[in-house]
Structures are given as structure tokens and as C-alpha cells.
């Protein structure tokens, strides 16, 4: 697996976090966040420090959006971002 694969998976993990928040399911949110952190570990091991740093910022953005109550706007931007990883 390469950094692109792990970064795309991180985007999916964060999307699951958002879905859990929208459903009001804190347990599912915590499980998804733990999965995102595990994926960050794989991303770090992929030896692409710039991808790892961007991944950290993505998780930080999730946390910030949750605290600010801007999760809907964050979700919209994440959807647009994740679309760039779709291979046609």
C-alpha cells in the first residue's frame, strides 16, 4: 500500500466520523476516530511526510469543526476533496 491509498482511507475514516456526529452517535464517532488515528500511523510509515502532515491537519480540521459547530461545511469540503481520489 502507498501513501495515496492510506490518505484516501483517512478521508473515508474522517467521513465516517462526520456521519457519526450527524447521527448523534458518540460511540461510533470515537470508534471512527480511533480508526483514523490508526490510518494516520500507516500513513506515517509510508514515508511520505507531507502526506502525513496533511493527514494530521485533516483530523485537526475535524476536531475544530466539531468544536465550532461547522461540521456541515467541513463535510461539504471533505466530500469535494475525497472526490479527487476517485479513479474513473
C-alpha atoms as a PDB file:
ATOM      1  CA  UNK A   1       0.000   0.000   0.000  1.00  0.00           C
ATOM      2  CA  UNK A   2       1.172   3.529  -0.672  1.00  0.00           C
ATOM      3  CA  UNK A   3       0.593   6.961   0.816  1.00  0.00           C
ATOM      4  CA  UNK A   4      -2.175   7.766  -1.666  1.00  0.00           C
ATOM      5  CA  UNK A   5      -4.095   4.666  -0.570  1.00  0.00           C
ATOM      6  CA  UNK A   6      -3.730   5.477   3.122  1.00  0.00           C
ATOM      7  CA  UNK A   7      -4.615   9.130   2.620  1.00  0.00           C
ATOM      8  CA  UNK A   8      -7.784   8.175   0.753  1.00  0.00           C
ATOM      9  CA  UNK A   9      -8.650   5.775   3.568  1.00  0.00           C
ATOM     10  CA  UNK A  10      -8.056   8.536   6.085  1.00  0.00           C
ATOM     11  CA  UNK A  11     -10.556  10.675   4.196  1.00  0.00           C
ATOM     12  CA  UNK A  12     -13.087   7.840   4.459  1.00  0.00           C
ATOM     13  CA  UNK A  13     -12.363   7.455   8.182  1.00  0.00           C
ATOM     14  CA  UNK A  14     -12.987  11.155   8.743  1.00  0.00           C
ATOM     15  CA  UNK A  15     -16.171  10.952   6.666  1.00  0.00           C
ATOM     16  CA  UNK A  16     -17.375   8.151   8.968  1.00  0.00           C
ATOM     17  CA  UNK A  17     -16.611  10.395  11.952  1.00  0.00           C
ATOM     18  CA  UNK A  18     -18.766  13.115  10.435  1.00  0.00           C
ATOM     19  CA  UNK A  19     -21.621  10.709   9.736  1.00  0.00           C
ATOM     20  CA  UNK A  20     -21.498   9.509  13.337  1.00  0.00           C
ATOM     21  CA  UNK A  21     -21.653  13.106  14.582  1.00  0.00           C
ATOM     22  CA  UNK A  22     -24.620  13.819  12.335  1.00  0.00           C
ATOM     23  CA  UNK A  23     -26.380  10.750  13.757  1.00  0.00           C
ATOM     24  CA  UNK A  24     -25.530  11.786  17.319  1.00  0.00           C
ATOM     25  CA  UNK A  25     -23.653   8.512  17.871  1.00  0.00           C
ATOM     26  CA  UNK A  26     -20.667   9.425  20.041  1.00  0.00           C
ATOM     27  CA  UNK A  27     -19.562   5.794  20.414  1.00  0.00           C
ATOM     28  CA  UNK A  28     -19.393   5.350  16.644  1.00  0.00           C
ATOM     29  CA  UNK A  29     -17.588   8.684  16.372  1.00  0.00           C
ATOM     30  CA  UNK A  30     -14.929   7.551  18.849  1.00  0.00           C
ATOM     31  CA  UNK A  31     -14.506   4.228  17.021  1.00  0.00           C
ATOM     32  CA  UNK A  32     -14.134   6.002  13.689  1.00  0.00           C
ATOM     33  CA  UNK A  33     -11.690   8.499  15.160  1.00  0.00           C
ATOM     34  CA  UNK A  34      -9.607   5.622  16.549  1.00  0.00           C
ATOM     35  CA  UNK A  35      -9.597   4.075  13.060  1.00  0.00           C
ATOM     36  CA  UNK A  36      -8.492   7.431  11.599  1.00  0.00           C
ATOM     37  CA  UNK A  37      -5.614   7.590  14.072  1.00  0.00           C
ATOM     38  CA  UNK A  38      -4.590   4.044  13.136  1.00  0.00           C
ATOM     39  CA  UNK A  39      -4.677   5.016   9.463  1.00  0.00           C
ATOM     40  CA  UNK A  40      -2.502   8.033  10.298  1.00  0.00           C
ATOM     41  CA  UNK A  41       0.051   5.577  11.682  1.00  0.00           C
ATOM     42  CA  UNK A  42       0.059   3.659   8.410  1.00  0.00           C
ATOM     43  CA  UNK A  43       0.379   6.928   6.528  1.00  0.00           C
ATOM     44  CA  UNK A  44       3.361   7.941   8.626  1.00  0.00           C
ATOM     45  CA  UNK A  45       5.040   4.599   7.901  1.00  0.00           C
ATOM     46  CA  UNK A  46       4.506   5.158   4.154  1.00  0.00           C
ATOM     47  CA  UNK A  47       7.490   7.534   4.280  1.00  0.00           C
ATOM     48  CA  UNK A  48       5.682  10.499   2.764  1.00  0.00           C
ATOM     49  CA  UNK A  49       5.978  13.132   5.490  1.00  0.00           C
ATOM     50  CA  UNK A  50       3.952  15.695   3.549  1.00  0.00           C
ATOM     51  CA  UNK A  51       1.009  13.293   3.297  1.00  0.00           C
ATOM     52  CA  UNK A  52       1.273  12.505   6.998  1.00  0.00           C
ATOM     53  CA  UNK A  53       1.296  16.211   7.863  1.00  0.00           C
ATOM     54  CA  UNK A  54      -1.758  16.813   5.687  1.00  0.00           C
ATOM     55  CA  UNK A  55      -3.452  13.871   7.392  1.00  0.00           C
ATOM     56  CA  UNK A  56      -2.819  15.390  10.794  1.00  0.00           C
ATOM     57  CA  UNK A  57      -4.341  18.644   9.550  1.00  0.00           C
ATOM     58  CA  UNK A  58      -7.381  16.757   8.274  1.00  0.00           C
ATOM     59  CA  UNK A  59      -8.019  15.192  11.684  1.00  0.00           C
ATOM     60  CA  UNK A  60      -7.351  18.547  13.362  1.00  0.00           C
ATOM     61  CA  UNK A  61      -9.878  20.145  10.994  1.00  0.00           C
ATOM     62  CA  UNK A  62     -12.469  17.581  12.056  1.00  0.00           C
ATOM     63  CA  UNK A  63     -11.868  18.367  15.711  1.00  0.00           C
ATOM     64  CA  UNK A  64     -12.013  22.103  15.063  1.00  0.00           C
ATOM     65  CA  UNK A  65     -15.223  21.841  13.014  1.00  0.00           C
ATOM     66  CA  UNK A  66     -16.827  19.763  15.743  1.00  0.00           C
ATOM     67  CA  UNK A  67     -15.941  22.344  18.388  1.00  0.00           C
ATOM     68  CA  UNK A  68     -17.038  25.293  16.232  1.00  0.00           C
ATOM     69  CA  UNK A  69     -20.286  23.708  15.088  1.00  0.00           C
ATOM     70  CA  UNK A  70     -19.193  23.953  11.448  1.00  0.00           C
ATOM     71  CA  UNK A  71     -19.242  20.226  10.757  1.00  0.00           C
ATOM     72  CA  UNK A  72     -21.679  20.587   7.821  1.00  0.00           C
ATOM     73  CA  UNK A  73     -19.346  22.961   5.984  1.00  0.00           C
ATOM     74  CA  UNK A  74     -16.374  20.743   6.806  1.00  0.00           C
ATOM     75  CA  UNK A  75     -18.267  17.701   5.492  1.00  0.00           C
ATOM     76  CA  UNK A  76     -19.000  19.517   2.229  1.00  0.00           C
ATOM     77  CA  UNK A  77     -15.350  20.399   1.726  1.00  0.00           C
ATOM     78  CA  UNK A  78     -14.269  16.867   2.641  1.00  0.00           C
ATOM     79  CA  UNK A  79     -16.665  15.421   0.043  1.00  0.00           C
ATOM     80  CA  UNK A  80     -15.131  17.643  -2.617  1.00  0.00           C
ATOM     81  CA  UNK A  81     -11.640  16.700  -1.500  1.00  0.00           C
ATOM     82  CA  UNK A  82     -12.349  12.962  -1.374  1.00  0.00           C
ATOM     83  CA  UNK A  83     -13.773  13.104  -4.898  1.00  0.00           C
ATOM     84  CA  UNK A  84     -10.261  13.838  -6.152  1.00  0.00           C
ATOM     85  CA  UNK A  85      -9.227  10.309  -5.167  1.00  0.00           C
ATOM     86  CA  UNK A  86     -11.879   8.593  -7.271  1.00  0.00           C
ATOM     87  CA  UNK A  87     -10.322   6.745 -10.172  1.00  0.00           C
ATOM     88  CA  UNK A  88     -12.517   6.561 -13.246  1.00  0.00           C
END
